[in-house]
Amino acid sequence: MALNSCTGNVKWNDQVIYQITPTNYEINNIELMILANTGNNRLSFESTGVSDSLGVLIDNVQLIRSDTQEDLIINGGFENPNVKGGWNIF
């Protein structure tokens, strides 16, 4: 079975800092070190490619502050809201 043509982008302050292109069907972990700007910063994800339900899965996201080891992400596992086995865009 061939992999789909979906790609996921990790964006920091609207700039792509990492591109996820599946090469296998395994769970893969990535770790990125980024520097925050003074004031507000924005972490976001976007996917590209065909909407065929075979895309990239992003889960268990953490944004760890290096000086305190505090996780700044709330709901990084995307469990809430519960969409009863489905999915949605939030």
N, C-alpha and C. Protein backbone atom coordinates (compact mmCIF):
# COMPACT_ATOMS: atom_id res chain seq x y z
N MET A 1 0.85 -1.17 0.00
CA MET A 1 0.00 0.00 0.00
C MET A 1 0.90 1.24 0.00
N ALA A 2 0.65 2.15 -0.89
CA ALA A 2 1.46 3.37 -1.00
C ALA A 2 1.01 4.39 0.04
N LEU A 3 1.96 5.18 0.51
CA LEU A 3 1.62 6.26 1.42
C LEU A 3 0.89 7.35 0.67
N ASN A 4 0.06 8.09 1.36
CA ASN A 4 -0.67 9.17 0.72
C ASN A 4 0.25 10.35 0.49
N SER A 5 -0.26 11.37 -0.14
CA SER A 5 0.56 12.54 -0.48
C SER A 5 0.34 13.70 0.49
N CYS A 6 -0.12 13.40 1.69
CA CYS A 6 -0.38 14.44 2.67
C CYS A 6 0.91 14.87 3.37
N THR A 7 1.02 16.14 3.66
CA THR A 7 2.14 16.69 4.39
C THR A 7 1.60 17.57 5.49
N GLY A 8 2.26 17.59 6.62
CA GLY A 8 1.86 18.47 7.71
C GLY A 8 2.95 19.49 7.98
N ASN A 9 2.54 20.71 8.24
CA ASN A 9 3.48 21.78 8.56
C ASN A 9 3.32 22.18 10.02
N VAL A 10 4.44 22.34 10.70
CA VAL A 10 4.46 22.92 12.04
C VAL A 10 4.88 24.37 11.84
N LYS A 11 4.06 25.29 12.36
CA LYS A 11 4.34 26.72 12.16
C LYS A 11 4.55 27.41 13.50
N TRP A 12 5.53 28.28 13.55
CA TRP A 12 5.80 29.10 14.73
C TRP A 12 5.74 30.53 14.26
N ASN A 13 4.82 31.30 14.83
CA ASN A 13 4.59 32.69 14.41
C ASN A 13 4.40 32.79 12.90
N ASP A 14 3.57 31.87 12.39
CA ASP A 14 3.16 31.82 10.98
C ASP A 14 4.27 31.46 10.00
N GLN A 15 5.42 31.00 10.49
CA GLN A 15 6.51 30.55 9.63
C GLN A 15 6.66 29.03 9.77
N VAL A 16 6.76 28.31 8.65
CA VAL A 16 6.94 26.86 8.70
C VAL A 16 8.33 26.58 9.29
N ILE A 17 8.35 25.82 10.41
CA ILE A 17 9.62 25.47 11.02
C ILE A 17 9.93 23.99 10.88
N TYR A 18 8.93 23.21 10.49
CA TYR A 18 9.14 21.77 10.29
C TYR A 18 8.05 21.25 9.37
N GLN A 19 8.44 20.36 8.47
CA GLN A 19 7.47 19.76 7.56
C GLN A 19 7.45 18.26 7.80
N ILE A 20 6.27 17.73 8.06
CA ILE A 20 6.09 16.31 8.32
C ILE A 20 5.60 15.65 7.04
N THR A 21 6.41 14.75 6.49
CA THR A 21 6.01 13.99 5.32
C THR A 21 6.12 12.52 5.67
N PRO A 22 4.99 11.82 5.79
CA PRO A 22 5.04 10.41 6.21
C PRO A 22 5.89 9.55 5.28
N THR A 23 6.75 8.73 5.89
CA THR A 23 7.55 7.77 5.13
C THR A 23 7.24 6.35 5.54
N ASN A 24 6.41 6.20 6.58
CA ASN A 24 6.02 4.87 7.05
C ASN A 24 4.72 5.00 7.84
N TYR A 25 4.23 3.91 8.33
CA TYR A 25 2.99 3.92 9.11
C TYR A 25 3.26 3.78 10.61
N GLU A 26 4.46 4.07 11.02
CA GLU A 26 4.85 3.98 12.43
C GLU A 26 4.57 5.30 13.14
N ILE A 27 4.53 5.24 14.47
CA ILE A 27 4.45 6.47 15.26
C ILE A 27 5.85 7.05 15.32
N ASN A 28 5.99 8.29 14.95
CA ASN A 28 7.28 8.97 14.94
C ASN A 28 7.21 10.16 15.88
N ASN A 29 8.24 10.33 16.67
CA ASN A 29 8.32 11.48 17.57
C ASN A 29 9.31 12.48 17.02
N ILE A 30 8.97 13.75 17.13
CA ILE A 30 9.92 14.80 16.76
C ILE A 30 10.05 15.76 17.93
N GLU A 31 11.19 16.37 18.03
CA GLU A 31 11.44 17.37 19.06
C GLU A 31 12.11 18.56 18.39
N LEU A 32 11.53 19.72 18.58
CA LEU A 32 12.06 20.95 17.99
C LEU A 32 12.38 21.93 19.10
N MET A 33 13.49 22.64 18.99
CA MET A 33 13.81 23.70 19.94
C MET A 33 13.58 25.03 19.22
N ILE A 34 12.76 25.86 19.83
CA ILE A 34 12.43 27.15 19.23
C ILE A 34 12.65 28.25 20.26
N LEU A 35 12.85 29.45 19.79
CA LEU A 35 13.00 30.60 20.66
C LEU A 35 11.76 31.46 20.55
N ALA A 36 11.24 31.84 21.70
CA ALA A 36 10.04 32.68 21.73
C ALA A 36 10.42 34.14 21.63
N ASN A 37 9.56 34.89 20.99
CA ASN A 37 9.72 36.34 20.95
C ASN A 37 9.10 36.93 22.21
N THR A 38 9.51 38.11 22.58
CA THR A 38 8.87 38.81 23.68
C THR A 38 7.41 39.07 23.30
N GLY A 39 6.49 38.83 24.22
CA GLY A 39 5.07 39.03 23.94
C GLY A 39 4.42 37.75 23.50
N ASN A 40 3.45 37.86 22.61
CA ASN A 40 2.68 36.70 22.14
C ASN A 40 3.41 35.95 21.05
N ASN A 41 3.26 34.63 21.07
CA ASN A 41 3.80 33.74 20.04
C ASN A 41 2.70 32.77 19.65
N ARG A 42 2.82 32.20 18.45
CA ARG A 42 1.75 31.33 17.94
C ARG A 42 2.34 30.03 17.40
N LEU A 43 1.86 28.90 17.95
CA LEU A 43 2.20 27.58 17.45
C LEU A 43 0.97 27.06 16.72
N SER A 44 1.13 26.61 15.48
CA SER A 44 -0.01 26.10 14.72
C SER A 44 0.43 24.97 13.81
N PHE A 45 -0.55 24.24 13.32
CA PHE A 45 -0.33 23.09 12.45
C PHE A 45 -1.25 23.21 11.26
N GLU A 46 -0.77 22.79 10.10
CA GLU A 46 -1.64 22.77 8.91
C GLU A 46 -1.26 21.56 8.08
N SER A 47 -2.23 21.05 7.37
CA SER A 47 -1.95 19.93 6.47
C SER A 47 -2.20 20.36 5.04
N THR A 48 -1.52 19.69 4.14
CA THR A 48 -1.68 19.94 2.72
C THR A 48 -1.90 18.61 2.03
N GLY A 49 -2.44 18.64 0.86
CA GLY A 49 -2.67 17.41 0.12
C GLY A 49 -4.14 17.10 0.01
N VAL A 50 -4.43 15.88 -0.39
CA VAL A 50 -5.78 15.42 -0.64
C VAL A 50 -6.46 15.09 0.68
N SER A 51 -7.72 15.48 0.83
CA SER A 51 -8.50 15.14 2.02
C SER A 51 -9.11 13.76 1.81
N ASP A 52 -8.33 12.72 2.16
CA ASP A 52 -8.76 11.35 1.89
C ASP A 52 -8.85 10.50 3.16
N SER A 53 -8.83 11.13 4.33
CA SER A 53 -8.88 10.51 5.65
C SER A 53 -7.65 9.66 5.95
N LEU A 54 -6.60 9.78 5.17
CA LEU A 54 -5.36 9.02 5.39
C LEU A 54 -4.20 9.96 5.73
N GLY A 55 -4.50 11.12 6.24
CA GLY A 55 -3.47 12.14 6.43
C GLY A 55 -2.57 11.95 7.63
N VAL A 56 -1.90 13.00 7.99
CA VAL A 56 -0.96 13.03 9.10
C VAL A 56 -1.72 13.18 10.40
N LEU A 57 -1.34 12.42 11.41
CA LEU A 57 -1.94 12.53 12.74
C LEU A 57 -0.94 13.22 13.65
N ILE A 58 -1.38 14.28 14.29
CA ILE A 58 -0.55 15.00 15.26
C ILE A 58 -1.21 14.84 16.61
N ASP A 59 -0.44 14.37 17.60
CA ASP A 59 -1.00 14.11 18.91
C ASP A 59 0.06 14.33 19.97
N ASN A 60 -0.37 14.54 21.20
CA ASN A 60 0.51 14.70 22.36
C ASN A 60 1.52 15.82 22.17
N VAL A 61 1.02 16.98 21.80
CA VAL A 61 1.87 18.15 21.57
C VAL A 61 2.22 18.79 22.91
N GLN A 62 3.48 19.13 23.08
CA GLN A 62 3.93 19.83 24.27
C GLN A 62 4.77 21.03 23.84
N LEU A 63 4.64 22.10 24.59
CA LEU A 63 5.48 23.28 24.42
C LEU A 63 6.09 23.55 25.79
N ILE A 64 7.32 23.11 25.99
CA ILE A 64 7.96 23.12 27.29
C ILE A 64 8.83 24.37 27.43
N ARG A 65 8.56 25.11 28.48
CA ARG A 65 9.37 26.29 28.79
C ARG A 65 10.68 25.79 29.40
N SER A 66 11.82 26.13 28.81
CA SER A 66 13.10 25.54 29.20
C SER A 66 13.54 25.91 30.61
N ASP A 67 13.19 27.09 31.09
CA ASP A 67 13.67 27.49 32.42
C ASP A 67 12.84 26.92 33.56
N THR A 68 11.58 26.52 33.30
CA THR A 68 10.72 25.98 34.36
C THR A 68 10.26 24.55 34.08
N GLN A 69 10.46 24.06 32.88
CA GLN A 69 9.97 22.74 32.44
C GLN A 69 8.45 22.66 32.44
N GLU A 70 7.77 23.82 32.46
CA GLU A 70 6.31 23.87 32.44
C GLU A 70 5.81 23.65 31.01
N ASP A 71 4.78 22.80 30.87
CA ASP A 71 4.13 22.60 29.57
C ASP A 71 3.11 23.70 29.38
N LEU A 72 3.29 24.53 28.36
CA LEU A 72 2.42 25.67 28.13
C LEU A 72 1.18 25.32 27.29
N ILE A 73 1.11 24.10 26.78
CA ILE A 73 -0.02 23.66 25.97
C ILE A 73 -1.10 23.06 26.86
N ILE A 74 -2.32 23.49 26.68
CA ILE A 74 -3.47 22.88 27.34
C ILE A 74 -4.16 21.99 26.31
N ASN A 75 -4.41 20.74 26.66
CA ASN A 75 -5.08 19.78 25.77
C ASN A 75 -4.21 19.41 24.55
N GLY A 76 -2.92 19.20 24.79
CA GLY A 76 -2.01 18.81 23.70
C GLY A 76 -2.26 17.43 23.14
N GLY A 77 -3.11 16.64 23.81
CA GLY A 77 -3.50 15.34 23.29
C GLY A 77 -4.77 15.40 22.47
N PHE A 78 -5.38 16.59 22.41
CA PHE A 78 -6.57 16.86 21.61
C PHE A 78 -7.76 15.98 22.02
N GLU A 79 -7.88 15.66 23.32
CA GLU A 79 -8.99 14.84 23.79
C GLU A 79 -10.27 15.65 23.98
N ASN A 80 -10.17 16.95 24.15
CA ASN A 80 -11.34 17.79 24.40
C ASN A 80 -11.49 18.82 23.31
N PRO A 81 -12.62 19.05 22.75
CA PRO A 81 -13.87 18.38 23.09
C PRO A 81 -13.91 16.98 22.51
N ASN A 82 -14.62 16.10 23.15
CA ASN A 82 -14.80 14.74 22.69
C ASN A 82 -15.80 14.77 21.54
N VAL A 83 -15.39 14.32 20.37
CA VAL A 83 -16.28 14.33 19.20
C VAL A 83 -16.80 12.92 18.90
N LYS A 84 -16.80 12.07 19.93
CA LYS A 84 -17.40 10.73 19.87
C LYS A 84 -16.88 9.89 18.72
N GLY A 85 -15.55 9.76 18.64
CA GLY A 85 -14.94 8.89 17.63
C GLY A 85 -14.76 9.54 16.28
N GLY A 86 -15.22 10.76 16.11
CA GLY A 86 -15.06 11.45 14.83
C GLY A 86 -13.93 12.46 14.90
N TRP A 87 -13.98 13.42 14.06
CA TRP A 87 -12.97 14.48 14.06
C TRP A 87 -13.63 15.77 13.63
N ASN A 88 -12.95 16.85 13.87
CA ASN A 88 -13.44 18.16 13.46
C ASN A 88 -12.27 19.12 13.45
N ILE A 89 -12.48 20.29 12.94
CA ILE A 89 -11.46 21.34 12.93
C ILE A 89 -11.80 22.31 14.04
N PHE A 90 -10.83 22.61 14.92
CA PHE A 90 -11.03 23.52 16.03
C PHE A 90 -10.01 24.62 15.96
